[in-house]
Amino acid sequence: MRAAVAAAAALAAAVAVGCGGGDPPALEAACTDGPAPILRALARAPGAVRLADGTRLSDCVAHAFDDGELQQLGFALTPAADRLAGRQTAAAALQLGYLIGAVRRGASRTNGVHAELVRRLEATATGTDAELVAATRRGIAAGEARG
């Protein structure tokens, strides 16, 4: 009987460790510093886009777990997307696409709580000019791959 209890306890401990019972990663401060650092980082798209502290945009999304963090992140990402959409240039469309792709990538690693943020950023890409649409698509592919 004692062996069965010990085995059950060991199994429960293994399951707890395997399920990542620890605290979730903290949201990096660079993720919520506003749109300016996001826009500076996106200037490197479609290459490696990192914030000043080295954080990928997808990690910002994946690490925003609670409502407050998600709201802070939205206050940084949404104005950045709006500014890029308003520029109506191929470079800005590429950067906007990268941002959308990176947010999709980060959201894919979560339980769906980020779906509204993804939807909001996707809604900013409304251009119909063929060149801008193509640049946005290239950016999305790069953001999903490396964002």
Protein backbone atom coordinates (compact mmCIF):
# COMPACT_ATOMS: atom_id res chain seq x y z
CA MET A 1 0.00 0.00 0.00
CA ARG A 2 2.79 2.39 0.92
CA ALA A 3 4.50 1.73 -2.44
CA ALA A 4 1.27 2.55 -4.30
CA VAL A 5 0.92 5.86 -2.42
CA ALA A 6 4.56 6.72 -3.13
CA ALA A 7 4.12 5.86 -6.81
CA ALA A 8 0.98 8.01 -7.04
CA ALA A 9 2.76 10.92 -5.35
CA ALA A 10 5.70 10.59 -7.72
CA LEU A 11 3.37 10.52 -10.72
CA ALA A 12 1.51 13.62 -9.49
CA ALA A 13 4.80 15.46 -9.01
CA ALA A 14 5.97 14.50 -12.49
CA VAL A 15 2.72 15.68 -14.04
CA ALA A 16 2.93 19.00 -12.18
CA VAL A 17 6.48 19.58 -13.39
CA GLY A 18 5.61 18.52 -16.94
CA CYS A 19 2.63 20.87 -17.09
CA GLY A 20 4.77 23.89 -16.31
CA GLY A 21 3.40 24.52 -12.85
CA GLY A 22 5.69 27.56 -12.49
CA ASP A 23 4.86 31.20 -13.00
CA PRO A 24 4.39 32.44 -16.57
CA PRO A 25 7.18 34.58 -18.04
CA ALA A 26 6.93 38.24 -17.14
CA LEU A 27 5.92 40.76 -19.77
CA GLU A 28 9.04 42.66 -20.73
CA ALA A 29 8.89 46.39 -19.96
CA ALA A 30 10.10 47.21 -23.48
CA CYS A 31 6.84 45.77 -24.84
CA THR A 32 4.73 48.48 -23.21
CA ASP A 33 6.90 51.57 -23.69
CA GLY A 34 4.51 52.90 -26.34
CA PRO A 35 4.43 52.86 -30.12
CA ALA A 36 7.73 54.68 -30.75
CA PRO A 37 10.03 51.77 -29.75
CA ILE A 38 7.82 49.38 -31.72
CA LEU A 39 8.09 51.56 -34.82
CA ARG A 40 11.88 51.89 -34.42
CA ALA A 41 12.22 48.11 -34.21
CA LEU A 42 9.95 47.55 -37.20
CA ALA A 43 12.22 49.71 -39.35
CA ARG A 44 14.41 46.58 -39.62
CA ALA A 45 11.61 44.44 -41.12
CA PRO A 46 11.64 42.04 -42.84
CA GLY A 47 14.94 41.29 -41.09
CA ALA A 48 15.30 40.46 -37.41
CA VAL A 49 12.98 42.82 -35.52
CA ARG A 50 13.84 43.15 -31.85
CA LEU A 51 13.01 45.78 -29.26
CA ALA A 52 15.87 47.62 -27.56
CA ASP A 53 16.21 44.87 -24.92
CA GLY A 54 16.29 42.11 -27.57
CA THR A 55 12.66 40.99 -27.11
CA ARG A 56 10.78 39.70 -30.16
CA LEU A 57 7.33 41.16 -30.73
CA SER A 58 5.77 37.69 -30.61
CA ASP A 59 7.23 37.22 -27.12
CA CYS A 60 5.53 40.43 -26.02
CA VAL A 61 2.21 38.92 -27.06
CA ALA A 62 2.88 35.48 -25.61
CA HIS A 63 3.94 36.97 -22.26
CA ALA A 64 0.92 39.30 -21.86
CA PHE A 65 -1.27 37.07 -19.70
CA ASP A 66 -3.58 39.20 -17.62
CA ASP A 67 -6.03 41.89 -18.67
CA GLY A 68 -3.77 44.74 -17.54
CA GLU A 69 -0.76 43.47 -19.46
CA LEU A 70 -2.83 42.84 -22.56
CA GLN A 71 -4.28 46.34 -22.37
CA GLN A 72 -0.82 47.89 -21.96
CA LEU A 73 0.44 45.92 -24.93
CA GLY A 74 -2.54 47.03 -26.99
CA PHE A 75 -1.78 50.65 -26.10
CA ALA A 76 1.68 50.19 -27.65
CA LEU A 77 0.85 48.02 -30.67
CA THR A 78 -2.43 49.52 -31.87
CA PRO A 79 -1.17 53.11 -32.37
CA ALA A 80 1.95 51.73 -34.07
CA ALA A 81 -0.25 49.80 -36.51
CA ASP A 82 -2.48 52.84 -37.09
CA ARG A 83 0.53 55.03 -37.88
CA LEU A 84 1.97 52.51 -40.31
CA ALA A 85 -1.39 52.07 -42.06
CA GLY A 86 -1.72 55.82 -42.45
CA ARG A 87 1.61 56.17 -44.25
CA GLN A 88 0.43 54.31 -47.38
CA THR A 89 3.93 53.37 -48.55
CA ALA A 90 5.33 49.96 -49.45
CA ALA A 91 7.87 50.15 -46.59
CA ALA A 92 5.16 50.96 -44.05
CA ALA A 93 2.92 48.20 -45.43
CA LEU A 94 5.77 45.70 -45.05
CA GLN A 95 6.32 46.83 -41.45
CA LEU A 96 2.59 46.66 -40.69
CA GLY A 97 2.48 43.17 -42.14
CA TYR A 98 5.44 42.15 -40.02
CA LEU A 99 3.69 43.47 -36.92
CA ILE A 100 0.52 41.54 -37.77
CA GLY A 101 2.49 38.36 -38.44
CA ALA A 102 4.49 38.68 -35.21
CA VAL A 103 1.31 39.23 -33.18
CA ARG A 104 -0.29 36.19 -34.85
CA ARG A 105 2.81 34.15 -34.01
CA GLY A 106 2.73 35.20 -30.35
CA ALA A 107 -1.02 34.69 -30.07
CA SER A 108 -0.74 31.17 -31.49
CA ARG A 109 1.15 30.17 -28.34
CA THR A 110 -1.67 31.27 -26.02
CA ASN A 111 -5.19 30.19 -25.12
CA GLY A 112 -6.96 32.60 -27.47
CA VAL A 113 -7.17 35.61 -25.18
CA HIS A 114 -5.21 37.63 -27.75
CA ALA A 115 -7.69 37.07 -30.58
CA GLU A 116 -9.17 40.57 -30.33
CA LEU A 117 -5.72 42.18 -30.50
CA VAL A 118 -4.92 40.14 -33.61
CA ARG A 119 -8.26 41.10 -35.16
CA ARG A 120 -7.71 44.79 -34.38
CA LEU A 121 -4.27 44.85 -36.00
CA GLU A 122 -5.46 42.90 -39.04
CA ALA A 123 -8.24 45.48 -39.50
CA THR A 124 -5.65 48.24 -39.99
CA ALA A 125 -4.41 46.62 -43.21
CA THR A 126 -7.17 47.93 -45.44
CA GLY A 127 -5.23 49.10 -48.47
CA THR A 128 -6.29 47.94 -51.92
CA ASP A 129 -3.27 49.10 -53.90
CA ALA A 130 -1.64 45.95 -55.31
CA GLU A 131 1.87 47.04 -54.31
CA LEU A 132 0.82 47.74 -50.71
CA VAL A 133 -1.15 44.49 -50.44
CA ALA A 134 1.86 42.52 -51.71
CA ALA A 135 4.18 44.30 -49.26
CA THR A 136 1.78 43.60 -46.39
CA ARG A 137 1.66 39.91 -47.31
CA ARG A 138 5.48 39.73 -47.43
CA GLY A 139 5.61 41.37 -44.02
CA ILE A 140 3.03 39.00 -42.54
CA ALA A 141 5.01 35.98 -43.77
CA ALA A 142 8.22 37.37 -42.26
CA GLY A 143 6.52 38.25 -38.97
CA GLU A 144 4.94 34.81 -38.66
CA ALA A 145 8.29 33.16 -39.41
CA ARG A 146 10.63 35.32 -37.32
CA GLY A 147 8.54 37.82 -35.35
